[in-house]
Amino acid sequence: MDAYAATVGAMRSWVTQTHGEQGGDPAKAARAIVDVVGRSAGPLRLPLGGDAVDQIRAKLARIAADVDHAEALARSTDFDPQA
């Protein structure tokens, strides 16, 4: 629709142009989801695709570095009953 060309038009064009060139395989993703849902103890999170795993691991590394940087200060705020 012309009314949306300025807002979502670019995204719709990109989706159309890249159809069939995605990194992930939708059929494999669907099978993985069905497999996990059928388990009695599946994972809390299910990243699908190597790119998802890489992005999650990168974020976790940034969070770990931030916690490491602030750990001494964070621990110094614990209640000390002998103080």
N, C-alpha and C. Protein backbone atom coordinates (compact mmCIF):
# COMPACT_ATOMS: atom_id res chain seq x y z
N MET A 1 0.84 -1.19 0.00
CA MET A 1 0.00 0.00 0.00
C MET A 1 0.88 1.24 0.00
N ASP A 2 0.49 2.18 -0.80
CA ASP A 2 1.26 3.42 -0.90
C ASP A 2 1.34 4.16 0.43
N ALA A 3 0.31 4.04 1.24
CA ALA A 3 0.28 4.76 2.53
C ALA A 3 1.41 4.32 3.45
N TYR A 4 1.91 3.11 3.27
CA TYR A 4 2.96 2.59 4.14
C TYR A 4 4.34 2.56 3.49
N ALA A 5 4.45 3.05 2.30
CA ALA A 5 5.72 3.00 1.57
C ALA A 5 6.85 3.69 2.33
N ALA A 6 6.55 4.79 2.99
CA ALA A 6 7.59 5.55 3.70
C ALA A 6 8.00 4.90 5.02
N THR A 7 7.14 4.06 5.58
CA THR A 7 7.46 3.47 6.89
C THR A 7 7.96 2.04 6.78
N VAL A 8 7.19 1.16 6.20
CA VAL A 8 7.58 -0.25 6.13
C VAL A 8 7.93 -0.70 4.72
N GLY A 9 7.85 0.21 3.78
CA GLY A 9 8.13 -0.15 2.39
C GLY A 9 9.51 -0.73 2.18
N ALA A 10 10.51 -0.12 2.80
CA ALA A 10 11.89 -0.61 2.64
C ALA A 10 12.03 -2.03 3.19
N MET A 11 11.42 -2.31 4.32
CA MET A 11 11.50 -3.65 4.90
C MET A 11 10.79 -4.67 4.01
N ARG A 12 9.64 -4.32 3.50
CA ARG A 12 8.92 -5.24 2.61
C ARG A 12 9.74 -5.53 1.36
N SER A 13 10.39 -4.50 0.83
CA SER A 13 11.24 -4.69 -0.36
C SER A 13 12.40 -5.61 -0.04
N TRP A 14 13.04 -5.41 1.09
CA TRP A 14 14.18 -6.23 1.48
C TRP A 14 13.75 -7.69 1.64
N VAL A 15 12.61 -7.91 2.30
CA VAL A 15 12.11 -9.27 2.51
C VAL A 15 11.86 -9.95 1.17
N THR A 16 11.26 -9.23 0.26
CA THR A 16 10.98 -9.78 -1.07
C THR A 16 12.26 -10.09 -1.83
N GLN A 17 13.21 -9.18 -1.77
CA GLN A 17 14.46 -9.34 -2.53
C GLN A 17 15.34 -10.46 -1.99
N THR A 18 15.28 -10.70 -0.69
CA THR A 18 16.17 -11.70 -0.09
C THR A 18 15.49 -13.06 0.10
N HIS A 19 14.24 -13.19 -0.35
CA HIS A 19 13.53 -14.45 -0.20
C HIS A 19 14.33 -15.58 -0.84
N GLY A 20 14.52 -16.64 -0.10
CA GLY A 20 15.27 -17.78 -0.60
C GLY A 20 16.76 -17.69 -0.37
N GLU A 21 17.23 -16.58 0.18
CA GLU A 21 18.65 -16.39 0.44
C GLU A 21 18.96 -16.33 1.94
N GLN A 22 17.98 -16.66 2.75
CA GLN A 22 18.16 -16.62 4.20
C GLN A 22 19.24 -17.60 4.63
N GLY A 23 19.88 -17.26 5.73
CA GLY A 23 20.90 -18.15 6.27
C GLY A 23 20.30 -19.40 6.88
N GLY A 24 19.11 -19.28 7.41
CA GLY A 24 18.48 -20.40 8.08
C GLY A 24 17.51 -21.15 7.18
N ASP A 25 17.28 -22.38 7.52
CA ASP A 25 16.35 -23.23 6.77
C ASP A 25 15.07 -23.37 7.59
N PRO A 26 13.96 -22.77 7.14
CA PRO A 26 12.72 -22.82 7.90
C PRO A 26 12.24 -24.23 8.22
N ALA A 27 12.44 -25.16 7.31
CA ALA A 27 12.00 -26.54 7.56
C ALA A 27 12.80 -27.17 8.70
N LYS A 28 14.12 -26.91 8.70
CA LYS A 28 14.96 -27.43 9.79
C LYS A 28 14.59 -26.78 11.12
N ALA A 29 14.31 -25.48 11.08
CA ALA A 29 13.92 -24.77 12.31
C ALA A 29 12.61 -25.34 12.85
N ALA A 30 11.66 -25.58 11.97
CA ALA A 30 10.37 -26.14 12.41
C ALA A 30 10.56 -27.52 13.03
N ARG A 31 11.41 -28.36 12.41
CA ARG A 31 11.67 -29.69 12.97
C ARG A 31 12.32 -29.59 14.34
N ALA A 32 13.25 -28.63 14.49
CA ALA A 32 13.92 -28.45 15.79
C ALA A 32 12.92 -28.03 16.86
N ILE A 33 12.01 -27.13 16.50
CA ILE A 33 11.01 -26.67 17.46
C ILE A 33 10.09 -27.81 17.87
N VAL A 34 9.62 -28.58 16.89
CA VAL A 34 8.75 -29.72 17.19
C VAL A 34 9.48 -30.73 18.08
N ASP A 35 10.74 -30.98 17.78
CA ASP A 35 11.53 -31.93 18.58
C ASP A 35 11.65 -31.46 20.02
N VAL A 36 11.95 -30.19 20.21
CA VAL A 36 12.14 -29.67 21.56
C VAL A 36 10.82 -29.63 22.33
N VAL A 37 9.74 -29.24 21.66
CA VAL A 37 8.44 -29.17 22.33
C VAL A 37 8.01 -30.56 22.78
N GLY A 38 8.39 -31.59 22.05
CA GLY A 38 8.02 -32.95 22.40
C GLY A 38 8.80 -33.54 23.55
N ARG A 39 9.85 -32.88 23.97
CA ARG A 39 10.66 -33.39 25.09
C ARG A 39 10.02 -33.02 26.42
N SER A 40 10.26 -33.86 27.42
CA SER A 40 9.73 -33.54 28.74
C SER A 40 10.53 -32.43 29.42
N ALA A 41 11.81 -32.32 29.08
CA ALA A 41 12.65 -31.28 29.69
C ALA A 41 13.46 -30.59 28.59
N GLY A 42 12.82 -29.70 27.89
CA GLY A 42 13.51 -28.98 26.82
C GLY A 42 14.22 -27.75 27.37
N PRO A 43 14.97 -27.08 26.51
CA PRO A 43 15.70 -25.90 26.95
C PRO A 43 14.76 -24.72 27.18
N LEU A 44 15.16 -23.79 28.04
CA LEU A 44 14.38 -22.58 28.26
C LEU A 44 14.41 -21.69 27.03
N ARG A 45 15.56 -21.64 26.36
CA ARG A 45 15.72 -20.85 25.14
C ARG A 45 16.21 -21.76 24.02
N LEU A 46 15.78 -21.46 22.81
CA LEU A 46 16.18 -22.28 21.67
C LEU A 46 16.66 -21.36 20.54
N PRO A 47 17.95 -21.00 20.56
CA PRO A 47 18.44 -20.20 19.45
C PRO A 47 18.46 -21.06 18.19
N LEU A 48 17.98 -20.50 17.11
CA LEU A 48 17.93 -21.24 15.85
C LEU A 48 18.86 -20.58 14.84
N GLY A 49 19.89 -21.29 14.45
CA GLY A 49 20.87 -20.79 13.49
C GLY A 49 22.15 -20.38 14.17
N GLY A 50 23.23 -20.55 13.44
CA GLY A 50 24.54 -20.18 13.97
C GLY A 50 24.64 -18.70 14.29
N ASP A 51 23.96 -17.86 13.50
CA ASP A 51 24.02 -16.43 13.78
C ASP A 51 23.39 -16.10 15.12
N ALA A 52 22.30 -16.78 15.47
CA ALA A 52 21.65 -16.55 16.76
C ALA A 52 22.57 -16.97 17.91
N VAL A 53 23.21 -18.11 17.77
CA VAL A 53 24.14 -18.59 18.80
C VAL A 53 25.29 -17.60 18.96
N ASP A 54 25.86 -17.14 17.85
CA ASP A 54 26.98 -16.20 17.90
C ASP A 54 26.58 -14.89 18.57
N GLN A 55 25.40 -14.36 18.23
CA GLN A 55 24.96 -13.10 18.82
C GLN A 55 24.69 -13.24 20.31
N ILE A 56 24.09 -14.34 20.71
CA ILE A 56 23.82 -14.56 22.14
C ILE A 56 25.13 -14.69 22.91
N ARG A 57 26.07 -15.47 22.37
CA ARG A 57 27.36 -15.63 23.06
C ARG A 57 28.11 -14.30 23.15
N ALA A 58 28.04 -13.47 22.12
CA ALA A 58 28.69 -12.17 22.15
C ALA A 58 28.06 -11.28 23.22
N LYS A 59 26.75 -11.30 23.32
CA LYS A 59 26.08 -10.50 24.34
C LYS A 59 26.44 -10.99 25.73
N LEU A 60 26.44 -12.30 25.92
CA LEU A 60 26.80 -12.86 27.23
C LEU A 60 28.23 -12.48 27.61
N ALA A 61 29.14 -12.44 26.64
CA ALA A 61 30.52 -12.05 26.91
C ALA A 61 30.58 -10.58 27.34
N ARG A 62 29.78 -9.72 26.68
CA ARG A 62 29.75 -8.30 27.08
C ARG A 62 29.19 -8.14 28.48
N ILE A 63 28.15 -8.90 28.80
CA ILE A 63 27.56 -8.84 30.14
C ILE A 63 28.55 -9.34 31.18
N ALA A 64 29.24 -10.45 30.90
CA ALA A 64 30.22 -10.99 31.84
C ALA A 64 31.35 -9.99 32.09
N ALA A 65 31.82 -9.34 31.04
CA ALA A 65 32.88 -8.33 31.20
C ALA A 65 32.40 -7.17 32.04
N ASP A 66 31.16 -6.75 31.86
CA ASP A 66 30.60 -5.65 32.63
C ASP A 66 30.49 -6.03 34.11
N VAL A 67 30.03 -7.25 34.37
CA VAL A 67 29.92 -7.73 35.75
C VAL A 67 31.30 -7.84 36.38
N ASP A 68 32.26 -8.37 35.64
CA ASP A 68 33.63 -8.46 36.15
C ASP A 68 34.16 -7.09 36.53
N HIS A 69 33.88 -6.11 35.69
CA HIS A 69 34.36 -4.74 35.92
C HIS A 69 33.76 -4.14 37.19
N ALA A 70 32.50 -4.48 37.48
CA ALA A 70 31.80 -3.89 38.63
C ALA A 70 31.75 -4.80 39.85
N GLU A 71 32.34 -5.97 39.76
CA GLU A 71 32.16 -6.96 40.83
C GLU A 71 32.61 -6.46 42.20
N ALA A 72 33.79 -5.88 42.30
CA ALA A 72 34.29 -5.44 43.60
C ALA A 72 33.35 -4.41 44.22
N LEU A 73 32.91 -3.46 43.43
CA LEU A 73 31.98 -2.46 43.94
C LEU A 73 30.66 -3.10 44.32
N ALA A 74 30.14 -3.99 43.49
CA ALA A 74 28.88 -4.66 43.78
C ALA A 74 28.95 -5.44 45.08
N ARG A 75 30.04 -6.19 45.26
CA ARG A 75 30.18 -6.99 46.48
C ARG A 75 30.39 -6.12 47.72
N SER A 76 30.94 -4.93 47.53
CA SER A 76 31.17 -4.04 48.68
C SER A 76 29.88 -3.51 49.27
N THR A 77 28.77 -3.70 48.58
CA THR A 77 27.48 -3.21 49.08
C THR A 77 26.72 -4.27 49.87
N ASP A 78 27.30 -5.47 50.03
CA ASP A 78 26.66 -6.51 50.83
C ASP A 78 26.55 -6.05 52.29
N PHE A 79 25.50 -6.49 52.93
CA PHE A 79 25.30 -6.16 54.33
C PHE A 79 26.35 -6.89 55.17
N ASP A 80 26.97 -6.17 56.08
CA ASP A 80 27.97 -6.75 56.98
C ASP A 80 27.42 -6.66 58.39
N PRO A 81 26.96 -7.79 58.96
CA PRO A 81 26.34 -7.76 60.29
C PRO A 81 27.34 -7.41 61.41
N GLN A 82 28.64 -7.47 61.13
CA GLN A 82 29.63 -7.19 62.17
C GLN A 82 30.11 -5.73 62.10
N ALA A 83 29.56 -4.96 61.19
CA ALA A 83 30.00 -3.56 61.05
C ALA A 83 29.23 -2.65 62.00
